[in-house]
Amino acid sequence: MIDILYFAWVRERVGLPRERVETSAATVADLVEELKAREERYEAAFADLRALRVALDQELSEFTAPLAGVREVAFFPPMTGG
């Protein structure tokens, strides 16, 4: 089981702040494909991965990263600041 957290507009599109999923995905990209296949709202949230960042167990990561041993995946838009 993996906890998935959604932040900002990703949460708005998915309609949930978090969920726990059972997955056989090997990488973050595989997980995204599984989620997109679920429902249209996930397809909308993950339509453009260039507009998203991902963290695995609270460490910024890449969509090509393996999920083995990961407990938490967080999806969020890029941070802006000034």
PDB file of N, CA and C in Angstrom:
ATOM      1  N   MET A   1       0.838  -1.186   0.000  1.00  0.00           N
ATOM      2  CA  MET A   1       0.000   0.000   0.000  1.00  0.00           C
ATOM      3  C   MET A   1       0.881   1.248   0.000  1.00  0.00           C
ATOM      4  N   ILE A   2       0.461   2.221  -0.773  1.00  0.00           N
ATOM      5  CA  ILE A   2       1.174   3.494  -0.837  1.00  0.00           C
ATOM      6  C   ILE A   2       0.178   4.612  -0.550  1.00  0.00           C
ATOM      7  N   ASP A   3       0.595   5.558   0.276  1.00  0.00           N
ATOM      8  CA  ASP A   3      -0.203   6.763   0.510  1.00  0.00           C
ATOM      9  C   ASP A   3       0.130   7.756  -0.586  1.00  0.00           C
ATOM     10  N   ILE A   4      -0.902   8.311  -1.210  1.00  0.00           N
ATOM     11  CA  ILE A   4      -0.705   9.331  -2.238  1.00  0.00           C
ATOM     12  C   ILE A   4      -1.311  10.628  -1.733  1.00  0.00           C
ATOM     13  N   LEU A   5      -0.523  11.700  -1.791  1.00  0.00           N
ATOM     14  CA  LEU A   5      -0.975  13.024  -1.364  1.00  0.00           C
ATOM     15  C   LEU A   5      -1.049  13.925  -2.584  1.00  0.00           C
ATOM     16  N   TYR A   6      -2.106  14.725  -2.635  1.00  0.00           N
ATOM     17  CA  TYR A   6      -2.309  15.667  -3.739  1.00  0.00           C
ATOM     18  C   TYR A   6      -2.358  17.083  -3.164  1.00  0.00           C
ATOM     19  N   PHE A   7      -1.665  18.006  -3.802  1.00  0.00           N
ATOM     20  CA  PHE A   7      -1.618  19.382  -3.316  1.00  0.00           C
ATOM     21  C   PHE A   7      -2.060  20.368  -4.389  1.00  0.00           C
ATOM     22  N   ALA A   8      -2.579  21.518  -3.931  1.00  0.00           N
ATOM     23  CA  ALA A   8      -2.966  22.647  -4.788  1.00  0.00           C
ATOM     24  C   ALA A   8      -3.977  22.209  -5.846  1.00  0.00           C
ATOM     25  N   TRP A   9      -3.759  22.602  -7.103  1.00  0.00           N
ATOM     26  CA  TRP A   9      -4.746  22.301  -8.141  1.00  0.00           C
ATOM     27  C   TRP A   9      -4.821  20.810  -8.453  1.00  0.00           C
ATOM     28  N   VAL A  10      -3.798  20.048  -8.126  1.00  0.00           N
ATOM     29  CA  VAL A  10      -3.859  18.588  -8.321  1.00  0.00           C
ATOM     30  C   VAL A  10      -4.959  18.025  -7.419  1.00  0.00           C
ATOM     31  N   ARG A  11      -4.979  18.474  -6.165  1.00  0.00           N
ATOM     32  CA  ARG A  11      -6.020  18.039  -5.215  1.00  0.00           C
ATOM     33  C   ARG A  11      -7.398  18.451  -5.712  1.00  0.00           C
ATOM     34  N   GLU A  12      -7.507  19.666  -6.247  1.00  0.00           N
ATOM     35  CA  GLU A  12      -8.796  20.140  -6.746  1.00  0.00           C
ATOM     36  C   GLU A  12      -9.304  19.275  -7.890  1.00  0.00           C
ATOM     37  N   ARG A  13      -8.426  18.900  -8.799  1.00  0.00           N
ATOM     38  CA  ARG A  13      -8.852  18.091  -9.948  1.00  0.00           C
ATOM     39  C   ARG A  13      -9.195  16.661  -9.548  1.00  0.00           C
ATOM     40  N   VAL A  14      -8.401  16.080  -8.650  1.00  0.00           N
ATOM     41  CA  VAL A  14      -8.663  14.705  -8.211  1.00  0.00           C
ATOM     42  C   VAL A  14      -9.851  14.661  -7.254  1.00  0.00           C
ATOM     43  N   GLY A  15     -10.004  15.719  -6.457  1.00  0.00           N
ATOM     44  CA  GLY A  15     -11.121  15.772  -5.520  1.00  0.00           C
ATOM     45  C   GLY A  15     -10.817  15.154  -4.171  1.00  0.00           C
ATOM     46  N   LEU A  16      -9.557  14.830  -3.923  1.00  0.00           N
ATOM     47  CA  LEU A  16      -9.140  14.240  -2.652  1.00  0.00           C
ATOM     48  C   LEU A  16      -7.811  14.839  -2.216  1.00  0.00           C
ATOM     49  N   PRO A  17      -7.605  15.012  -0.909  1.00  0.00           N
ATOM     50  CA  PRO A  17      -6.292  15.462  -0.453  1.00  0.00           C
ATOM     51  C   PRO A  17      -5.291  14.314  -0.379  1.00  0.00           C
ATOM     52  N   ARG A  18      -5.804  13.100  -0.154  1.00  0.00           N
ATOM     53  CA  ARG A  18      -4.928  11.924  -0.051  1.00  0.00           C
ATOM     54  C   ARG A  18      -5.746  10.660  -0.230  1.00  0.00           C
ATOM     55  N   GLU A  19      -5.055   9.598  -0.560  1.00  0.00           N
ATOM     56  CA  GLU A  19      -5.693   8.280  -0.623  1.00  0.00           C
ATOM     57  C   GLU A  19      -4.627   7.212  -0.475  1.00  0.00           C
ATOM     58  N   ARG A  20      -5.037   6.035  -0.118  1.00  0.00           N
ATOM     59  CA  ARG A  20      -4.133   4.901   0.008  1.00  0.00           C
ATOM     60  C   ARG A  20      -4.490   3.932  -1.113  1.00  0.00           C
ATOM     61  N   VAL A  21      -3.475   3.538  -1.889  1.00  0.00           N
ATOM     62  CA  VAL A  21      -3.741   2.648  -3.019  1.00  0.00           C
ATOM     63  C   VAL A  21      -2.849   1.418  -2.983  1.00  0.00           C
ATOM     64  N   GLU A  22      -3.386   0.370  -3.521  1.00  0.00           N
ATOM     65  CA  GLU A  22      -2.638  -0.857  -3.766  1.00  0.00           C
ATOM     66  C   GLU A  22      -2.164  -0.751  -5.205  1.00  0.00           C
ATOM     67  N   THR A  23      -0.874  -0.920  -5.440  1.00  0.00           N
ATOM     68  CA  THR A  23      -0.356  -0.762  -6.796  1.00  0.00           C
ATOM     69  C   THR A  23       0.712  -1.792  -7.105  1.00  0.00           C
ATOM     70  N   SER A  24       0.807  -2.124  -8.371  1.00  0.00           N
ATOM     71  CA  SER A  24       1.894  -2.987  -8.836  1.00  0.00           C
ATOM     72  C   SER A  24       2.881  -2.172  -9.666  1.00  0.00           C
ATOM     73  N   ALA A  25       2.731  -0.839  -9.642  1.00  0.00           N
ATOM     74  CA  ALA A  25       3.584   0.051 -10.432  1.00  0.00           C
ATOM     75  C   ALA A  25       5.036  -0.055  -9.981  1.00  0.00           C
ATOM     76  N   ALA A  26       5.941  -0.074 -10.958  1.00  0.00           N
ATOM     77  CA  ALA A  26       7.370  -0.148 -10.661  1.00  0.00           C
ATOM     78  C   ALA A  26       7.978   1.237 -10.478  1.00  0.00           C
ATOM     79  N   THR A  27       7.416   2.228 -11.187  1.00  0.00           N
ATOM     80  CA  THR A  27       7.954   3.587 -11.123  1.00  0.00           C
ATOM     81  C   THR A  27       6.813   4.574 -10.873  1.00  0.00           C
ATOM     82  N   VAL A  28       7.185   5.818 -10.597  1.00  0.00           N
ATOM     83  CA  VAL A  28       6.175   6.858 -10.428  1.00  0.00           C
ATOM     84  C   VAL A  28       5.358   7.005 -11.713  1.00  0.00           C
ATOM     85  N   ALA A  29       6.027   6.986 -12.855  1.00  0.00           N
ATOM     86  CA  ALA A  29       5.320   7.108 -14.140  1.00  0.00           C
ATOM     87  C   ALA A  29       4.299   5.990 -14.318  1.00  0.00           C
ATOM     88  N   ASP A  30       4.653   4.773 -13.905  1.00  0.00           N
ATOM     89  CA  ASP A  30       3.710   3.653 -13.980  1.00  0.00           C
ATOM     90  C   ASP A  30       2.501   3.908 -13.072  1.00  0.00           C
ATOM     91  N   LEU A  31       2.757   4.438 -11.883  1.00  0.00           N
ATOM     92  CA  LEU A  31       1.676   4.767 -10.958  1.00  0.00           C
ATOM     93  C   LEU A  31       0.746   5.806 -11.567  1.00  0.00           C
ATOM     94  N   VAL A  32       1.323   6.817 -12.188  1.00  0.00           N
ATOM     95  CA  VAL A  32       0.517   7.859 -12.841  1.00  0.00           C
ATOM     96  C   VAL A  32      -0.377   7.232 -13.910  1.00  0.00           C
ATOM     97  N   GLU A  33       0.173   6.324 -14.700  1.00  0.00           N
ATOM     98  CA  GLU A  33      -0.631   5.663 -15.739  1.00  0.00           C
ATOM     99  C   GLU A  33      -1.775   4.862 -15.125  1.00  0.00           C
ATOM    100  N   GLU A  34      -1.513   4.176 -14.009  1.00  0.00           N
ATOM    101  CA  GLU A  34      -2.579   3.438 -13.313  1.00  0.00           C
ATOM    102  C   GLU A  34      -3.674   4.395 -12.845  1.00  0.00           C
ATOM    103  N   LEU A  35      -3.270   5.523 -12.274  1.00  0.00           N
ATOM    104  CA  LEU A  35      -4.244   6.488 -11.784  1.00  0.00           C
ATOM    105  C   LEU A  35      -5.051   7.086 -12.936  1.00  0.00           C
ATOM    106  N   LYS A  36      -4.361   7.440 -14.017  1.00  0.00           N
ATOM    107  CA  LYS A  36      -5.056   8.028 -15.167  1.00  0.00           C
ATOM    108  C   LYS A  36      -6.091   7.074 -15.751  1.00  0.00           C
ATOM    109  N   ALA A  37      -5.841   5.786 -15.661  1.00  0.00           N
ATOM    110  CA  ALA A  37      -6.770   4.797 -16.204  1.00  0.00           C
ATOM    111  C   ALA A  37      -8.018   4.634 -15.328  1.00  0.00           C
ATOM    112  N   ARG A  38      -7.970   5.114 -14.098  1.00  0.00           N
ATOM    113  CA  ARG A  38      -9.097   4.975 -13.169  1.00  0.00           C
ATOM    114  C   ARG A  38     -10.312   5.777 -13.591  1.00  0.00           C
ATOM    115  N   GLU A  39     -10.124   7.091 -13.710  1.00  0.00           N
ATOM    116  CA  GLU A  39     -11.249   7.991 -13.963  1.00  0.00           C
ATOM    117  C   GLU A  39     -10.763   9.232 -14.697  1.00  0.00           C
ATOM    118  N   GLU A  40     -11.710   9.949 -15.269  1.00  0.00           N
ATOM    119  CA  GLU A  40     -11.402  11.161 -16.020  1.00  0.00           C
ATOM    120  C   GLU A  40     -10.735  12.236 -15.161  1.00  0.00           C
ATOM    121  N   ARG A  41     -11.119  12.311 -13.890  1.00  0.00           N
ATOM    122  CA  ARG A  41     -10.534  13.347 -13.023  1.00  0.00           C
ATOM    123  C   ARG A  41      -9.034  13.142 -12.823  1.00  0.00           C
ATOM    124  N   TYR A  42      -8.595  11.905 -12.784  1.00  0.00           N
ATOM    125  CA  TYR A  42      -7.154  11.631 -12.687  1.00  0.00           C
ATOM    126  C   TYR A  42      -6.464  11.966 -14.007  1.00  0.00           C
ATOM    127  N   GLU A  43      -7.126  11.652 -15.097  1.00  0.00           N
ATOM    128  CA  GLU A  43      -6.597  11.999 -16.425  1.00  0.00           C
ATOM    129  C   GLU A  43      -6.371  13.511 -16.511  1.00  0.00           C
ATOM    130  N   ALA A  44      -7.316  14.289 -15.996  1.00  0.00           N
ATOM    131  CA  ALA A  44      -7.186  15.745 -16.018  1.00  0.00           C
ATOM    132  C   ALA A  44      -6.041  16.214 -15.117  1.00  0.00           C
ATOM    133  N   ALA A  45      -5.906  15.606 -13.958  1.00  0.00           N
ATOM    134  CA  ALA A  45      -4.869  16.016 -13.012  1.00  0.00           C
ATOM    135  C   ALA A  45      -3.466  15.719 -13.539  1.00  0.00           C
ATOM    136  N   PHE A  46      -3.324  14.629 -14.279  1.00  0.00           N
ATOM    137  CA  PHE A  46      -2.003  14.200 -14.747  1.00  0.00           C
ATOM    138  C   PHE A  46      -1.816  14.377 -16.245  1.00  0.00           C
ATOM    139  N   ALA A  47      -2.584  15.266 -16.851  1.00  0.00           N
ATOM    140  CA  ALA A  47      -2.526  15.466 -18.303  1.00  0.00           C
ATOM    141  C   ALA A  47      -1.172  15.977 -18.768  1.00  0.00           C
ATOM    142  N   ASP A  48      -0.526  16.809 -17.968  1.00  0.00           N
ATOM    143  CA  ASP A  48       0.766  17.389 -18.364  1.00  0.00           C
ATOM    144  C   ASP A  48       1.754  17.233 -17.219  1.00  0.00           C
ATOM    145  N   LEU A  49       2.571  16.195 -17.273  1.00  0.00           N
ATOM    146  CA  LEU A  49       3.509  15.920 -16.190  1.00  0.00           C
ATOM    147  C   LEU A  49       4.578  16.999 -16.060  1.00  0.00           C
ATOM    148  N   ARG A  50       4.791  17.781 -17.108  1.00  0.00           N
ATOM    149  CA  ARG A  50       5.767  18.875 -17.014  1.00  0.00           C
ATOM    150  C   ARG A  50       5.301  19.938 -16.032  1.00  0.00           C
ATOM    151  N   ALA A  51       3.992  19.954 -15.747  1.00  0.00           N
ATOM    152  CA  ALA A  51       3.429  20.930 -14.817  1.00  0.00           C
ATOM    153  C   ALA A  51       3.371  20.390 -13.388  1.00  0.00           C
ATOM    154  N   LEU A  52       3.987  19.234 -13.156  1.00  0.00           N
ATOM    155  CA  LEU A  52       3.926  18.593 -11.848  1.00  0.00           C
ATOM    156  C   LEU A  52       5.306  18.260 -11.307  1.00  0.00           C
ATOM    157  N   ARG A  53       5.383  18.190  -9.994  1.00  0.00           N
ATOM    158  CA  ARG A  53       6.558  17.690  -9.300  1.00  0.00           C
ATOM    159  C   ARG A  53       6.089  16.521  -8.448  1.00  0.00           C
ATOM    160  N   VAL A  54       7.044  15.672  -8.084  1.00  0.00           N
ATOM    161  CA  VAL A  54       6.715  14.514  -7.255  1.00  0.00           C
ATOM    162  C   VAL A  54       7.757  14.376  -6.153  1.00  0.00           C
ATOM    163  N   ALA A  55       7.280  13.959  -4.981  1.00  0.00           N
ATOM    164  CA  ALA A  55       8.177  13.666  -3.869  1.00  0.00           C
ATOM    165  C   ALA A  55       7.874  12.256  -3.379  1.00  0.00           C
ATOM    166  N   LEU A  56       8.934  11.506  -3.114  1.00  0.00           N
ATOM    167  CA  LEU A  56       8.808  10.154  -2.576  1.00  0.00           C
ATOM    168  C   LEU A  56       9.325  10.180  -1.145  1.00  0.00           C
ATOM    169  N   ASP A  57       8.459   9.807  -0.212  1.00  0.00           N
ATOM    170  CA  ASP A  57       8.810   9.872   1.209  1.00  0.00           C
ATOM    171  C   ASP A  57       9.432  11.221   1.562  1.00  0.00           C
ATOM    172  N   GLN A  58       8.818  12.285   1.074  1.00  0.00           N
ATOM    173  CA  GLN A  58       9.151  13.677   1.349  1.00  0.00           C
ATOM    174  C   GLN A  58      10.496  14.121   0.770  1.00  0.00           C
ATOM    175  N   GLU A  59      10.978  13.407  -0.252  1.00  0.00           N
ATOM    176  CA  GLU A  59      12.199  13.795  -0.965  1.00  0.00           C
ATOM    177  C   GLU A  59      11.832  14.052  -2.422  1.00  0.00           C
ATOM    178  N   LEU A  60      12.174  15.238  -2.930  1.00  0.00           N
ATOM    179  CA  LEU A  60      11.895  15.555  -4.323  1.00  0.00           C
ATOM    180  C   LEU A  60      12.498  14.486  -5.219  1.00  0.00           C
ATOM    181  N   SER A  61      11.747  14.040  -6.210  1.00  0.00           N
ATOM    182  CA  SER A  61      12.181  12.927  -7.039  1.00  0.00           C
ATOM    183  C   SER A  61      11.788  13.158  -8.491  1.00  0.00           C
ATOM    184  N   GLU A  62      11.974  12.129  -9.301  1.00  0.00           N
ATOM    185  CA  GLU A  62      11.648  12.158 -10.727  1.00  0.00           C
ATOM    186  C   GLU A  62      10.548  11.135 -11.007  1.00  0.00           C
ATOM    187  N   PHE A  63       9.864  11.322 -12.128  1.00  0.00           N
ATOM    188  CA  PHE A  63       8.809  10.381 -12.503  1.00  0.00           C
ATOM    189  C   PHE A  63       9.363   9.022 -12.917  1.00  0.00           C
ATOM    190  N   THR A  64      10.655   8.953 -13.199  1.00  0.00           N
ATOM    191  CA  THR A  64      11.291   7.690 -13.557  1.00  0.00           C
ATOM    192  C   THR A  64      11.758   6.903 -12.331  1.00  0.00           C
ATOM    193  N   ALA A  65      11.618   7.478 -11.141  1.00  0.00           N
ATOM    194  CA  ALA A  65      12.107   6.851  -9.907  1.00  0.00           C
ATOM    195  C   ALA A  65      11.328   5.580  -9.578  1.00  0.00           C
ATOM    196  N   PRO A  66      12.027   4.573  -9.063  1.00  0.00           N
ATOM    197  CA  PRO A  66      11.353   3.335  -8.649  1.00  0.00           C
ATOM    198  C   PRO A  66      10.528   3.546  -7.384  1.00  0.00           C
ATOM    199  N   LEU A  67       9.471   2.754  -7.244  1.00  0.00           N
ATOM    200  CA  LEU A  67       8.590   2.848  -6.075  1.00  0.00           C
ATOM    201  C   LEU A  67       8.901   1.808  -5.005  1.00  0.00           C
ATOM    202  N   ALA A  68       9.834   0.930  -5.262  1.00  0.00           N
ATOM    203  CA  ALA A  68      10.160  -0.130  -4.300  1.00  0.00           C
ATOM    204  C   ALA A  68      10.510   0.480  -2.945  1.00  0.00           C
ATOM    205  N   GLY A  69       9.799   0.068  -1.908  1.00  0.00           N
ATOM    206  CA  GLY A  69      10.060   0.531  -0.555  1.00  0.00           C
ATOM    207  C   GLY A  69       9.476   1.902  -0.217  1.00  0.00           C
ATOM    208  N   VAL A  70       8.854   2.552  -1.171  1.00  0.00           N
ATOM    209  CA  VAL A  70       8.285   3.884  -0.939  1.00  0.00           C
ATOM    210  C   VAL A  70       6.952   3.754  -0.200  1.00  0.00           C
ATOM    211  N   ARG A  71       6.763   4.600   0.810  1.00  0.00           N
ATOM    212  CA  ARG A  71       5.515   4.592   1.583  1.00  0.00           C
ATOM    213  C   ARG A  71       4.581   5.723   1.197  1.00  0.00           C
ATOM    214  N   GLU A  72       5.158   6.846   0.700  1.00  0.00           N
ATOM    215  CA  GLU A  72       4.336   8.016   0.410  1.00  0.00           C
ATOM    216  C   GLU A  72       4.786   8.687  -0.883  1.00  0.00           C
ATOM    217  N   VAL A  73       3.800   9.003  -1.728  1.00  0.00           N
ATOM    218  CA  VAL A  73       4.048   9.738  -2.975  1.00  0.00           C
ATOM    219  C   VAL A  73       3.216  11.003  -2.915  1.00  0.00           C
ATOM    220  N   ALA A  74       3.847  12.150  -3.173  1.00  0.00           N
ATOM    221  CA  ALA A  74       3.124  13.426  -3.160  1.00  0.00           C
ATOM    222  C   ALA A  74       3.254  14.092  -4.525  1.00  0.00           C
ATOM    223  N   PHE A  75       2.143  14.565  -5.046  1.00  0.00           N
ATOM    224  CA  PHE A  75       2.118  15.278  -6.327  1.00  0.00           C
ATOM    225  C   PHE A  75       1.729  16.720  -6.079  1.00  0.00           C
ATOM    226  N   PHE A  76       2.461  17.659  -6.696  1.00  0.00           N
ATOM    227  CA  PHE A  76       2.203  19.081  -6.481  1.00  0.00           C
ATOM    228  C   PHE A  76       2.751  19.876  -7.653  1.00  0.00           C
ATOM    229  N   PRO A  77       2.203  21.086  -7.861  1.00  0.00           N
ATOM    230  CA  PRO A  77       2.741  21.951  -8.901  1.00  0.00           C
ATOM    231  C   PRO A  77       4.104  22.510  -8.469  1.00  0.00           C
ATOM    232  N   PRO A  78       4.915  22.981  -9.411  1.00  0.00           N
ATOM    233  CA  PRO A  78       6.200  23.572  -9.046  1.00  0.00           C
ATOM    234  C   PRO A  78       6.003  24.737  -8.073  1.00  0.00           C
ATOM    235  N   MET A  79       6.919  24.873  -7.159  1.00  0.00           N
ATOM    236  CA  MET A  79       6.858  25.974  -6.198  1.00  0.00           C
ATOM    237  C   MET A  79       7.301  27.260  -6.871  1.00  0.00           C
ATOM    238  N   THR A  80       6.658  28.325  -6.507  1.00  0.00           N
ATOM    239  CA  THR A  80       7.123  29.637  -6.957  1.00  0.00           C
ATOM    240  C   THR A  80       7.356  30.460  -5.719  1.00  0.00           C
ATOM    241  N   GLY A  81       8.247  31.358  -5.816  1.00  0.00           N
ATOM    242  CA  GLY A  81       8.540  32.182  -4.647  1.00  0.00           C
ATOM    243  C   GLY A  81       9.279  33.428  -5.065  1.00  0.00           C
ATOM    244  N   GLY A  82       9.495  34.272  -4.107  1.00  0.00           N
ATOM    245  CA  GLY A  82      10.207  35.480  -4.451  1.00  0.00           C
ATOM    246  C   GLY A  82      10.643  36.227  -3.224  1.00  0.00           C
TER     247      GLY A  82
END
